[in-house]
Amino acid sequence: MRKFYAYTTPWGTIRTGSLFKKLTPREQLAVWAHERGHIVHKHAWKRMLWVFTGYALFHREKYFAMCRAQEFEADSYAVKTGHLVGMILALSRIASVKTDTHPSREERLARLRNE
């Protein structure tokens, strides 16, 4: 089994990995809600559009900024659907790794605490 928590597919499904099983039920529901936020806001389709048109290649920083904004938007969706505490707990357990497409755990937690 692959080591990841969860991700969404462009066709609107959520895949969970072995790390998801290590979360508490409350944290799992929050992560699930976060992934639902990606589906509701059609994030995968927006990313694919940027990639397929070549815009992401020539405007990399804008593309990465959009991806990070989508993570915040998915976090906000989880909060709006009643999962603030679960999101804080889940993010507190997840290693802090900032990538081009994901804000750091600390950035996400700071935003959640201001929701």
PDB file of N, CA and C in Angstrom:
ATOM      1  N   MET A   1       0.845  -1.187   0.000  1.00  0.00           N
ATOM      2  CA  MET A   1       0.000   0.000   0.000  1.00  0.00           C
ATOM      3  C   MET A   1       0.888   1.247   0.000  1.00  0.00           C
ATOM      4  N   ARG A   2       0.479   2.239  -0.753  1.00  0.00           N
ATOM      5  CA  ARG A   2       1.269   3.456  -0.885  1.00  0.00           C
ATOM      6  C   ARG A   2       1.086   4.359   0.319  1.00  0.00           C
ATOM      7  N   LYS A   3       2.159   5.070   0.669  1.00  0.00           N
ATOM      8  CA  LYS A   3       2.138   5.936   1.840  1.00  0.00           C
ATOM      9  C   LYS A   3       1.672   7.338   1.466  1.00  0.00           C
ATOM     10  N   PHE A   4       0.403   7.597   1.667  1.00  0.00           N
ATOM     11  CA  PHE A   4      -0.170   8.921   1.517  1.00  0.00           C
ATOM     12  C   PHE A   4      -1.441   8.953   2.349  1.00  0.00           C
ATOM     13  N   TYR A   5      -1.965  10.145   2.568  1.00  0.00           N
ATOM     14  CA  TYR A   5      -3.207  10.273   3.325  1.00  0.00           C
ATOM     15  C   TYR A   5      -4.402  10.114   2.393  1.00  0.00           C
ATOM     16  N   ALA A   6      -4.577  11.070   1.504  1.00  0.00           N
ATOM     17  CA  ALA A   6      -5.707  11.011   0.580  1.00  0.00           C
ATOM     18  C   ALA A   6      -5.476  11.985  -0.565  1.00  0.00           C
ATOM     19  N   TYR A   7      -6.157  11.708  -1.670  1.00  0.00           N
ATOM     20  CA  TYR A   7      -6.157  12.638  -2.795  1.00  0.00           C
ATOM     21  C   TYR A   7      -7.423  12.418  -3.601  1.00  0.00           C
ATOM     22  N   THR A   8      -7.736  13.407  -4.432  1.00  0.00           N
ATOM     23  CA  THR A   8      -8.922  13.295  -5.289  1.00  0.00           C
ATOM     24  C   THR A   8      -8.484  13.024  -6.720  1.00  0.00           C
ATOM     25  N   THR A   9      -9.388  12.435  -7.445  1.00  0.00           N
ATOM     26  CA  THR A   9      -9.149  12.184  -8.863  1.00  0.00           C
ATOM     27  C   THR A   9      -9.966  13.192  -9.672  1.00  0.00           C
ATOM     28  N   PRO A  10      -9.597  13.411 -10.914  1.00  0.00           N
ATOM     29  CA  PRO A  10     -10.362  14.352 -11.739  1.00  0.00           C
ATOM     30  C   PRO A  10     -11.819  13.927 -11.941  1.00  0.00           C
ATOM     31  N   TRP A  11     -12.103  12.651 -11.824  1.00  0.00           N
ATOM     32  CA  TRP A  11     -13.477  12.181 -12.043  1.00  0.00           C
ATOM     33  C   TRP A  11     -14.292  12.152 -10.760  1.00  0.00           C
ATOM     34  N   GLY A  12     -13.776  12.780  -9.687  1.00  0.00           N
ATOM     35  CA  GLY A  12     -14.576  13.008  -8.492  1.00  0.00           C
ATOM     36  C   GLY A  12     -14.586  11.904  -7.457  1.00  0.00           C
ATOM     37  N   THR A  13     -13.535  11.120  -7.400  1.00  0.00           N
ATOM     38  CA  THR A  13     -13.432  10.115  -6.349  1.00  0.00           C
ATOM     39  C   THR A  13     -12.297  10.486  -5.407  1.00  0.00           C
ATOM     40  N   ILE A  14     -12.345   9.918  -4.216  1.00  0.00           N
ATOM     41  CA  ILE A  14     -11.313  10.157  -3.210  1.00  0.00           C
ATOM     42  C   ILE A  14     -10.586   8.844  -2.975  1.00  0.00           C
ATOM     43  N   ARG A  15      -9.278   8.900  -3.046  1.00  0.00           N
ATOM     44  CA  ARG A  15      -8.439   7.737  -2.784  1.00  0.00           C
ATOM     45  C   ARG A  15      -7.758   7.948  -1.434  1.00  0.00           C
ATOM     46  N   THR A  16      -7.734   6.909  -0.616  1.00  0.00           N
ATOM     47  CA  THR A  16      -7.040   6.997   0.660  1.00  0.00           C
ATOM     48  C   THR A  16      -5.891   6.001   0.670  1.00  0.00           C
ATOM     49  N   GLY A  17      -4.848   6.348   1.413  1.00  0.00           N
ATOM     50  CA  GLY A  17      -3.670   5.501   1.497  1.00  0.00           C
ATOM     51  C   GLY A  17      -3.452   4.980   2.906  1.00  0.00           C
ATOM     52  N   SER A  18      -2.324   4.362   3.103  1.00  0.00           N
ATOM     53  CA  SER A  18      -2.036   3.727   4.384  1.00  0.00           C
ATOM     54  C   SER A  18      -1.938   4.730   5.530  1.00  0.00           C
ATOM     55  N   LEU A  19      -1.487   5.942   5.274  1.00  0.00           N
ATOM     56  CA  LEU A  19      -1.386   6.936   6.337  1.00  0.00           C
ATOM     57  C   LEU A  19      -2.766   7.388   6.821  1.00  0.00           C
ATOM     58  N   PHE A  20      -3.748   7.361   5.938  1.00  0.00           N
ATOM     59  CA  PHE A  20      -5.121   7.739   6.307  1.00  0.00           C
ATOM     60  C   PHE A  20      -5.625   6.842   7.432  1.00  0.00           C
ATOM     61  N   LYS A  21      -5.282   5.578   7.384  1.00  0.00           N
ATOM     62  CA  LYS A  21      -5.744   4.605   8.381  1.00  0.00           C
ATOM     63  C   LYS A  21      -5.166   4.871   9.761  1.00  0.00           C
ATOM     64  N   LYS A  22      -4.085   5.633   9.840  1.00  0.00           N
ATOM     65  CA  LYS A  22      -3.468   5.948  11.130  1.00  0.00           C
ATOM     66  C   LYS A  22      -4.121   7.140  11.820  1.00  0.00           C
ATOM     67  N   LEU A  23      -5.004   7.839  11.110  1.00  0.00           N
ATOM     68  CA  LEU A  23      -5.712   8.975  11.687  1.00  0.00           C
ATOM     69  C   LEU A  23      -6.890   8.485  12.519  1.00  0.00           C
ATOM     70  N   THR A  24      -7.305   9.305  13.476  1.00  0.00           N
ATOM     71  CA  THR A  24      -8.495   8.980  14.259  1.00  0.00           C
ATOM     72  C   THR A  24      -9.723   9.169  13.370  1.00  0.00           C
ATOM     73  N   PRO A  25     -10.869   8.605  13.757  1.00  0.00           N
ATOM     74  CA  PRO A  25     -12.085   8.812  12.951  1.00  0.00           C
ATOM     75  C   PRO A  25     -12.418  10.292  12.730  1.00  0.00           C
ATOM     76  N   ARG A  26     -12.227  11.113  13.743  1.00  0.00           N
ATOM     77  CA  ARG A  26     -12.501  12.551  13.598  1.00  0.00           C
ATOM     78  C   ARG A  26     -11.574  13.181  12.564  1.00  0.00           C
ATOM     79  N   GLU A  27     -10.307  12.811  12.600  1.00  0.00           N
ATOM     80  CA  GLU A  27      -9.330  13.325  11.643  1.00  0.00           C
ATOM     81  C   GLU A  27      -9.621  12.806  10.241  1.00  0.00           C
ATOM     82  N   GLN A  28     -10.011  11.544  10.140  1.00  0.00           N
ATOM     83  CA  GLN A  28     -10.363  10.975   8.834  1.00  0.00           C
ATOM     84  C   GLN A  28     -11.529  11.733   8.206  1.00  0.00           C
ATOM     85  N   LEU A  29     -12.547  12.044   9.001  1.00  0.00           N
ATOM     86  CA  LEU A  29     -13.693  12.795   8.471  1.00  0.00           C
ATOM     87  C   LEU A  29     -13.264  14.172   7.979  1.00  0.00           C
ATOM     88  N   ALA A  30     -12.351  14.804   8.709  1.00  0.00           N
ATOM     89  CA  ALA A  30     -11.865  16.129   8.307  1.00  0.00           C
ATOM     90  C   ALA A  30     -11.069  16.053   7.007  1.00  0.00           C
ATOM     91  N   VAL A  31     -10.200  15.069   6.897  1.00  0.00           N
ATOM     92  CA  VAL A  31      -9.412  14.898   5.665  1.00  0.00           C
ATOM     93  C   VAL A  31     -10.355  14.590   4.504  1.00  0.00           C
ATOM     94  N   TRP A  32     -11.346  13.744   4.753  1.00  0.00           N
ATOM     95  CA  TRP A  32     -12.340  13.422   3.722  1.00  0.00           C
ATOM     96  C   TRP A  32     -13.058  14.704   3.275  1.00  0.00           C
ATOM     97  N   ALA A  33     -13.443  15.546   4.240  1.00  0.00           N
ATOM     98  CA  ALA A  33     -14.129  16.807   3.909  1.00  0.00           C
ATOM     99  C   ALA A  33     -13.206  17.722   3.103  1.00  0.00           C
ATOM    100  N   HIS A  34     -11.934  17.769   3.473  1.00  0.00           N
ATOM    101  CA  HIS A  34     -10.960  18.570   2.717  1.00  0.00           C
ATOM    102  C   HIS A  34     -10.912  18.089   1.261  1.00  0.00           C
ATOM    103  N   GLU A  35     -10.841  16.781   1.076  1.00  0.00           N
ATOM    104  CA  GLU A  35     -10.804  16.232  -0.285  1.00  0.00           C
ATOM    105  C   GLU A  35     -12.109  16.514  -1.032  1.00  0.00           C
ATOM    106  N   ARG A  36     -13.235  16.457  -0.333  1.00  0.00           N
ATOM    107  CA  ARG A  36     -14.525  16.822  -0.949  1.00  0.00           C
ATOM    108  C   ARG A  36     -14.479  18.272  -1.425  1.00  0.00           C
ATOM    109  N   GLY A  37     -13.815  19.121  -0.659  1.00  0.00           N
ATOM    110  CA  GLY A  37     -13.660  20.521  -1.066  1.00  0.00           C
ATOM    111  C   GLY A  37     -12.953  20.638  -2.400  1.00  0.00           C
ATOM    112  N   HIS A  38     -11.937  19.812  -2.622  1.00  0.00           N
ATOM    113  CA  HIS A  38     -11.259  19.814  -3.917  1.00  0.00           C
ATOM    114  C   HIS A  38     -12.229  19.420  -5.035  1.00  0.00           C
ATOM    115  N   ILE A  39     -13.084  18.441  -4.757  1.00  0.00           N
ATOM    116  CA  ILE A  39     -14.041  17.984  -5.775  1.00  0.00           C
ATOM    117  C   ILE A  39     -15.086  19.059  -6.047  1.00  0.00           C
ATOM    118  N   VAL A  40     -15.661  19.603  -4.992  1.00  0.00           N
ATOM    119  CA  VAL A  40     -16.713  20.627  -5.131  1.00  0.00           C
ATOM    120  C   VAL A  40     -16.212  21.825  -5.934  1.00  0.00           C
ATOM    121  N   HIS A  41     -14.973  22.211  -5.692  1.00  0.00           N
ATOM    122  CA  HIS A  41     -14.410  23.388  -6.375  1.00  0.00           C
ATOM    123  C   HIS A  41     -13.702  23.045  -7.683  1.00  0.00           C
ATOM    124  N   LYS A  42     -13.760  21.762  -8.087  1.00  0.00           N
ATOM    125  CA  LYS A  42     -13.194  21.312  -9.364  1.00  0.00           C
ATOM    126  C   LYS A  42     -11.707  21.643  -9.513  1.00  0.00           C
ATOM    127  N   HIS A  43     -10.970  21.477  -8.439  1.00  0.00           N
ATOM    128  CA  HIS A  43      -9.550  21.819  -8.452  1.00  0.00           C
ATOM    129  C   HIS A  43      -8.745  20.987  -9.439  1.00  0.00           C
ATOM    130  N   ALA A  44      -9.004  19.696  -9.513  1.00  0.00           N
ATOM    131  CA  ALA A  44      -8.227  18.850 -10.431  1.00  0.00           C
ATOM    132  C   ALA A  44      -8.430  19.300 -11.878  1.00  0.00           C
ATOM    133  N   TRP A  45      -9.656  19.636 -12.222  1.00  0.00           N
ATOM    134  CA  TRP A  45      -9.939  20.091 -13.594  1.00  0.00           C
ATOM    135  C   TRP A  45      -9.229  21.403 -13.897  1.00  0.00           C
ATOM    136  N   LYS A  46      -9.210  22.302 -12.929  1.00  0.00           N
ATOM    137  CA  LYS A  46      -8.536  23.586 -13.132  1.00  0.00           C
ATOM    138  C   LYS A  46      -7.040  23.383 -13.323  1.00  0.00           C
ATOM    139  N   ARG A  47      -6.467  22.494 -12.514  1.00  0.00           N
ATOM    140  CA  ARG A  47      -5.037  22.219 -12.670  1.00  0.00           C
ATOM    141  C   ARG A  47      -4.740  21.593 -14.031  1.00  0.00           C
ATOM    142  N   MET A  48      -5.569  20.644 -14.420  1.00  0.00           N
ATOM    143  CA  MET A  48      -5.354  19.990 -15.718  1.00  0.00           C
ATOM    144  C   MET A  48      -5.474  20.989 -16.863  1.00  0.00           C
ATOM    145  N   LEU A  49      -6.412  21.906 -16.772  1.00  0.00           N
ATOM    146  CA  LEU A  49      -6.571  22.920 -17.810  1.00  0.00           C
ATOM    147  C   LEU A  49      -5.291  23.742 -17.941  1.00  0.00           C
ATOM    148  N   TRP A  50      -4.724  24.140 -16.821  1.00  0.00           N
ATOM    149  CA  TRP A  50      -3.483  24.913 -16.841  1.00  0.00           C
ATOM    150  C   TRP A  50      -2.356  24.107 -17.475  1.00  0.00           C
ATOM    151  N   VAL A  51      -2.283  22.814 -17.148  1.00  0.00           N
ATOM    152  CA  VAL A  51      -1.216  21.965 -17.671  1.00  0.00           C
ATOM    153  C   VAL A  51      -1.415  21.705 -19.162  1.00  0.00           C
ATOM    154  N   PHE A  52      -2.616  21.315 -19.548  1.00  0.00           N
ATOM    155  CA  PHE A  52      -2.870  20.962 -20.947  1.00  0.00           C
ATOM    156  C   PHE A  52      -2.759  22.149 -21.899  1.00  0.00           C
ATOM    157  N   THR A  53      -3.045  23.341 -21.429  1.00  0.00           N
ATOM    158  CA  THR A  53      -2.908  24.522 -22.286  1.00  0.00           C
ATOM    159  C   THR A  53      -1.481  25.044 -22.317  1.00  0.00           C
ATOM    160  N   GLY A  54      -0.628  24.498 -21.462  1.00  0.00           N
ATOM    161  CA  GLY A  54       0.745  24.963 -21.395  1.00  0.00           C
ATOM    162  C   GLY A  54       0.948  26.171 -20.500  1.00  0.00           C
ATOM    163  N   TYR A  55      -0.147  26.716 -19.974  1.00  0.00           N
ATOM    164  CA  TYR A  55      -0.039  27.910 -19.138  1.00  0.00           C
ATOM    165  C   TYR A  55       0.813  27.637 -17.899  1.00  0.00           C
ATOM    166  N   ALA A  56       0.672  26.445 -17.325  1.00  0.00           N
ATOM    167  CA  ALA A  56       1.439  26.105 -16.121  1.00  0.00           C
ATOM    168  C   ALA A  56       2.938  26.091 -16.406  1.00  0.00           C
ATOM    169  N   LEU A  57       3.304  25.692 -17.602  1.00  0.00           N
ATOM    170  CA  LEU A  57       4.716  25.616 -17.967  1.00  0.00           C
ATOM    171  C   LEU A  57       5.352  27.003 -18.054  1.00  0.00           C
ATOM    172  N   PHE A  58       4.611  27.953 -18.621  1.00  0.00           N
ATOM    173  CA  PHE A  58       5.165  29.288 -18.836  1.00  0.00           C
ATOM    174  C   PHE A  58       4.875  30.263 -17.703  1.00  0.00           C
ATOM    175  N   HIS A  59       3.999  29.853 -16.806  1.00  0.00           N
ATOM    176  CA  HIS A  59       3.646  30.704 -15.656  1.00  0.00           C
ATOM    177  C   HIS A  59       3.675  29.848 -14.395  1.00  0.00           C
ATOM    178  N   ARG A  60       4.817  29.243 -14.170  1.00  0.00           N
ATOM    179  CA  ARG A  60       4.949  28.270 -13.076  1.00  0.00           C
ATOM    180  C   ARG A  60       4.584  28.846 -11.726  1.00  0.00           C
ATOM    181  N   GLU A  61       5.066  30.024 -11.406  1.00  0.00           N
ATOM    182  CA  GLU A  61       4.797  30.592 -10.076  1.00  0.00           C
ATOM    183  C   GLU A  61       3.304  30.863  -9.876  1.00  0.00           C
ATOM    184  N   LYS A  62       2.635  31.323 -10.928  1.00  0.00           N
ATOM    185  CA  LYS A  62       1.179  31.531 -10.833  1.00  0.00           C
ATOM    186  C   LYS A  62       0.454  30.201 -10.651  1.00  0.00           C
ATOM    187  N   TYR A  63       0.930  29.182 -11.354  1.00  0.00           N
ATOM    188  CA  TYR A  63       0.335  27.854 -11.231  1.00  0.00           C
ATOM    189  C   TYR A  63       0.500  27.333  -9.803  1.00  0.00           C
ATOM    190  N   PHE A  64       1.707  27.437  -9.267  1.00  0.00           N
ATOM    191  CA  PHE A  64       1.950  26.956  -7.906  1.00  0.00           C
ATOM    192  C   PHE A  64       1.148  27.763  -6.885  1.00  0.00           C
ATOM    193  N   ALA A  65       1.030  29.074  -7.110  1.00  0.00           N
ATOM    194  CA  ALA A  65       0.231  29.906  -6.203  1.00  0.00           C
ATOM    195  C   ALA A  65      -1.235  29.472  -6.243  1.00  0.00           C
ATOM    196  N   MET A  66      -1.741  29.145  -7.427  1.00  0.00           N
ATOM    197  CA  MET A  66      -3.117  28.660  -7.544  1.00  0.00           C
ATOM    198  C   MET A  66      -3.290  27.351  -6.774  1.00  0.00           C
ATOM    199  N   CYS A  67      -2.333  26.455  -6.914  1.00  0.00           N
ATOM    200  CA  CYS A  67      -2.405  25.158  -6.220  1.00  0.00           C
ATOM    201  C   CYS A  67      -2.428  25.353  -4.710  1.00  0.00           C
ATOM    202  N   ARG A  68      -1.570  26.228  -4.202  1.00  0.00           N
ATOM    203  CA  ARG A  68      -1.554  26.491  -2.756  1.00  0.00           C
ATOM    204  C   ARG A  68      -2.866  27.123  -2.309  1.00  0.00           C
ATOM    205  N   ALA A  69      -3.411  28.026  -3.118  1.00  0.00           N
ATOM    206  CA  ALA A  69      -4.708  28.645  -2.788  1.00  0.00           C
ATOM    207  C   ALA A  69      -5.809  27.585  -2.766  1.00  0.00           C
ATOM    208  N   GLN A  70      -5.722  26.605  -3.647  1.00  0.00           N
ATOM    209  CA  GLN A  70      -6.714  25.527  -3.659  1.00  0.00           C
ATOM    210  C   GLN A  70      -6.648  24.712  -2.367  1.00  0.00           C
ATOM    211  N   GLU A  71      -5.468  24.514  -1.831  1.00  0.00           N
ATOM    212  CA  GLU A  71      -5.350  23.795  -0.560  1.00  0.00           C
ATOM    213  C   GLU A  71      -6.039  24.568   0.561  1.00  0.00           C
ATOM    214  N   PHE A  72      -5.830  25.874   0.588  1.00  0.00           N
ATOM    215  CA  PHE A  72      -6.510  26.696   1.598  1.00  0.00           C
ATOM    216  C   PHE A  72      -8.027  26.649   1.399  1.00  0.00           C
ATOM    217  N   GLU A  73      -8.458  26.681   0.139  1.00  0.00           N
ATOM    218  CA  GLU A  73      -9.886  26.640  -0.163  1.00  0.00           C
ATOM    219  C   GLU A  73     -10.495  25.304   0.286  1.00  0.00           C
ATOM    220  N   ALA A  74      -9.784  24.213   0.070  1.00  0.00           N
ATOM    221  CA  ALA A  74     -10.272  22.902   0.513  1.00  0.00           C
ATOM    222  C   ALA A  74     -10.305  22.827   2.035  1.00  0.00           C
ATOM    223  N   ASP A  75      -9.313  23.421   2.695  1.00  0.00           N
ATOM    224  CA  ASP A  75      -9.342  23.497   4.162  1.00  0.00           C
ATOM    225  C   ASP A  75     -10.573  24.265   4.631  1.00  0.00           C
ATOM    226  N   SER A  76     -10.853  25.388   4.000  1.00  0.00           N
ATOM    227  CA  SER A  76     -12.016  26.203   4.369  1.00  0.00           C
ATOM    228  C   SER A  76     -13.316  25.437   4.163  1.00  0.00           C
ATOM    229  N   TYR A  77     -13.389  24.659   3.109  1.00  0.00           N
ATOM    230  CA  TYR A  77     -14.579  23.833   2.873  1.00  0.00           C
ATOM    231  C   TYR A  77     -14.767  22.857   4.030  1.00  0.00           C
ATOM    232  N   ALA A  78     -13.693  22.230   4.470  1.00  0.00           N
ATOM    233  CA  ALA A  78     -13.785  21.292   5.599  1.00  0.00           C
ATOM    234  C   ALA A  78     -14.289  22.006   6.846  1.00  0.00           C
ATOM    235  N   VAL A  79     -13.797  23.206   7.068  1.00  0.00           N
ATOM    236  CA  VAL A  79     -14.236  23.980   8.237  1.00  0.00           C
ATOM    237  C   VAL A  79     -15.716  24.322   8.120  1.00  0.00           C
ATOM    238  N   LYS A  80     -16.136  24.779   6.947  1.00  0.00           N
ATOM    239  CA  LYS A  80     -17.545  25.159   6.743  1.00  0.00           C
ATOM    240  C   LYS A  80     -18.491  23.979   6.883  1.00  0.00           C
ATOM    241  N   THR A  81     -17.979  22.776   6.721  1.00  0.00           N
ATOM    242  CA  THR A  81     -18.821  21.587   6.865  1.00  0.00           C
ATOM    243  C   THR A  81     -18.656  20.951   8.250  1.00  0.00           C
ATOM    244  N   GLY A  82     -18.062  21.707   9.183  1.00  0.00           N
ATOM    245  CA  GLY A  82     -18.030  21.284  10.580  1.00  0.00           C
ATOM    246  C   GLY A  82     -16.809  20.523  11.043  1.00  0.00           C
ATOM    247  N   HIS A  83     -15.692  20.668  10.344  1.00  0.00           N
ATOM    248  CA  HIS A  83     -14.526  19.855  10.676  1.00  0.00           C
ATOM    249  C   HIS A  83     -13.296  20.666  11.086  1.00  0.00           C
ATOM    250  N   LEU A  84     -13.506  21.818  11.722  1.00  0.00           N
ATOM    251  CA  LEU A  84     -12.371  22.646  12.143  1.00  0.00           C
ATOM    252  C   LEU A  84     -11.449  21.887  13.094  1.00  0.00           C
ATOM    253  N   VAL A  85     -12.008  21.333  14.151  1.00  0.00           N
ATOM    254  CA  VAL A  85     -11.171  20.639  15.136  1.00  0.00           C
ATOM    255  C   VAL A  85     -10.465  19.447  14.503  1.00  0.00           C
ATOM    256  N   GLY A  86     -11.179  18.683  13.702  1.00  0.00           N
ATOM    257  CA  GLY A  86     -10.566  17.538  13.030  1.00  0.00           C
ATOM    258  C   GLY A  86      -9.431  17.944  12.109  1.00  0.00           C
ATOM    259  N   MET A  87      -9.596  19.054  11.391  1.00  0.00           N
ATOM    260  CA  MET A  87      -8.533  19.539  10.504  1.00  0.00           C
ATOM    261  C   MET A  87      -7.304  19.942  11.320  1.00  0.00           C
ATOM    262  N   ILE A  88      -7.521  20.662  12.418  1.00  0.00           N
ATOM    263  CA  ILE A  88      -6.394  21.080  13.260  1.00  0.00           C
ATOM    264  C   ILE A  88      -5.669  19.859  13.818  1.00  0.00           C
ATOM    265  N   LEU A  89      -6.432  18.883  14.302  1.00  0.00           N
ATOM    266  CA  LEU A  89      -5.823  17.674  14.843  1.00  0.00           C
ATOM    267  C   LEU A  89      -5.060  16.907  13.765  1.00  0.00           C
ATOM    268  N   ALA A  90      -5.672  16.750  12.596  1.00  0.00           N
ATOM    269  CA  ALA A  90      -5.017  16.005  11.507  1.00  0.00           C
ATOM    270  C   ALA A  90      -3.744  16.706  11.058  1.00  0.00           C
ATOM    271  N   LEU A  91      -3.824  18.014  10.837  1.00  0.00           N
ATOM    272  CA  LEU A  91      -2.636  18.743  10.381  1.00  0.00           C
ATOM    273  C   LEU A  91      -1.535  18.741  11.439  1.00  0.00           C
ATOM    274  N   SER A  92      -1.922  18.708  12.699  1.00  0.00           N
ATOM    275  CA  SER A  92      -0.928  18.678  13.772  1.00  0.00           C
ATOM    276  C   SER A  92      -0.128  17.377  13.762  1.00  0.00           C
ATOM    277  N   ARG A  93      -0.712  16.315  13.248  1.00  0.00           N
ATOM    278  CA  ARG A  93      -0.041  15.011  13.179  1.00  0.00           C
ATOM    279  C   ARG A  93       0.762  14.826  11.900  1.00  0.00           C
ATOM    280  N   ILE A  94       0.427  15.564  10.876  1.00  0.00           N
ATOM    281  CA  ILE A  94       1.071  15.409   9.578  1.00  0.00           C
ATOM    282  C   ILE A  94       2.393  16.172   9.576  1.00  0.00           C
ATOM    283  N   ALA A  95       3.423  15.554   9.044  1.00  0.00           N
ATOM    284  CA  ALA A  95       4.734  16.207   8.973  1.00  0.00           C
ATOM    285  C   ALA A  95       4.629  17.490   8.164  1.00  0.00           C
ATOM    286  N   SER A  96       5.356  18.494   8.600  1.00  0.00           N
ATOM    287  CA  SER A  96       5.334  19.779   7.908  1.00  0.00           C
ATOM    288  C   SER A  96       6.272  19.740   6.714  1.00  0.00           C
ATOM    289  N   VAL A  97       5.677  19.676   5.538  1.00  0.00           N
ATOM    290  CA  VAL A  97       6.454  19.675   4.300  1.00  0.00           C
ATOM    291  C   VAL A  97       5.816  20.685   3.359  1.00  0.00           C
ATOM    292  N   LYS A  98       6.542  21.723   3.056  1.00  0.00           N
ATOM    293  CA  LYS A  98       6.047  22.709   2.097  1.00  0.00           C
ATOM    294  C   LYS A  98       6.588  22.328   0.731  1.00  0.00           C
ATOM    295  N   THR A  99       5.690  22.263  -0.243  1.00  0.00           N
ATOM    296  CA  THR A  99       6.096  21.981  -1.613  1.00  0.00           C
ATOM    297  C   THR A  99       5.643  23.143  -2.490  1.00  0.00           C
ATOM    298  N   ASP A 100       5.958  23.064  -3.756  1.00  0.00           N
ATOM    299  CA  ASP A 100       5.505  24.112  -4.671  1.00  0.00           C
ATOM    300  C   ASP A 100       3.985  24.189  -4.707  1.00  0.00           C
ATOM    301  N   THR A 101       3.315  23.040  -4.531  1.00  0.00           N
ATOM    302  CA  THR A 101       1.858  23.005  -4.661  1.00  0.00           C
ATOM    303  C   THR A 101       1.112  22.974  -3.329  1.00  0.00           C
ATOM    304  N   HIS A 102       1.826  22.838  -2.222  1.00  0.00           N
ATOM    305  CA  HIS A 102       1.172  22.764  -0.917  1.00  0.00           C
ATOM    306  C   HIS A 102       1.821  23.735   0.064  1.00  0.00           C
ATOM    307  N   PRO A 103       0.997  24.513   0.766  1.00  0.00           N
ATOM    308  CA  PRO A 103       1.549  25.365   1.820  1.00  0.00           C
ATOM    309  C   PRO A 103       2.024  24.495   2.988  1.00  0.00           C
ATOM    310  N   SER A 104       2.844  25.053   3.828  1.00  0.00           N
ATOM    311  CA  SER A 104       3.336  24.287   4.970  1.00  0.00           C
ATOM    312  C   SER A 104       2.201  24.030   5.961  1.00  0.00           C
ATOM    313  N   ARG A 105       2.408  23.050   6.807  1.00  0.00           N
ATOM    314  CA  ARG A 105       1.442  22.746   7.862  1.00  0.00           C
ATOM    315  C   ARG A 105       1.204  23.986   8.729  1.00  0.00           C
ATOM    316  N   GLU A 106       2.268  24.702   9.053  1.00  0.00           N
ATOM    317  CA  GLU A 106       2.147  25.888   9.906  1.00  0.00           C
ATOM    318  C   GLU A 106       1.285  26.970   9.245  1.00  0.00           C
ATOM    319  N   GLU A 107       1.469  27.169   7.946  1.00  0.00           N
ATOM    320  CA  GLU A 107       0.641  28.143   7.226  1.00  0.00           C
ATOM    321  C   GLU A 107      -0.832  27.741   7.261  1.00  0.00           C
ATOM    322  N   ARG A 108      -1.079  26.466   7.049  1.00  0.00           N
ATOM    323  CA  ARG A 108      -2.462  25.976   7.034  1.00  0.00           C
ATOM    324  C   ARG A 108      -3.089  26.071   8.412  1.00  0.00           C
ATOM    325  N   LEU A 109      -2.331  25.694   9.438  1.00  0.00           N
ATOM    326  CA  LEU A 109      -2.861  25.772  10.808  1.00  0.00           C
ATOM    327  C   LEU A 109      -3.149  27.226  11.193  1.00  0.00           C
ATOM    328  N   ALA A 110      -2.276  28.141  10.822  1.00  0.00           N
ATOM    329  CA  ALA A 110      -2.499  29.561  11.129  1.00  0.00           C
ATOM    330  C   ALA A 110      -3.782  30.062  10.498  1.00  0.00           C
ATOM    331  N   ARG A 111      -4.025  29.684   9.262  1.00  0.00           N
ATOM    332  CA  ARG A 111      -5.284  30.093   8.599  1.00  0.00           C
ATOM    333  C   ARG A 111      -6.496  29.463   9.262  1.00  0.00           C
ATOM    334  N   LEU A 112      -6.389  28.187   9.613  1.00  0.00           N
ATOM    335  CA  LEU A 112      -7.520  27.523  10.264  1.00  0.00           C
ATOM    336  C   LEU A 112      -7.847  28.162  11.607  1.00  0.00           C
ATOM    337  N   ARG A 113      -6.847  28.563  12.341  1.00  0.00           N
ATOM    338  CA  ARG A 113      -7.082  29.178  13.654  1.00  0.00           C
ATOM    339  C   ARG A 113      -7.714  30.547  13.527  1.00  0.00           C
ATOM    340  N   ASN A 114      -7.643  31.137  12.343  1.00  0.00           N
ATOM    341  CA  ASN A 114      -8.272  32.438  12.099  1.00  0.00           C
ATOM    342  C   ASN A 114      -9.651  32.303  11.468  1.00  0.00           C
ATOM    343  N   GLU A 115     -10.092  31.073  11.183  1.00  0.00           N
ATOM    344  CA  GLU A 115     -11.407  30.848  10.543  1.00  0.00           C
ATOM    345  C   GLU A 115     -12.518  31.143  11.539  1.00  0.00           C
TER     346      GLU A 115
END
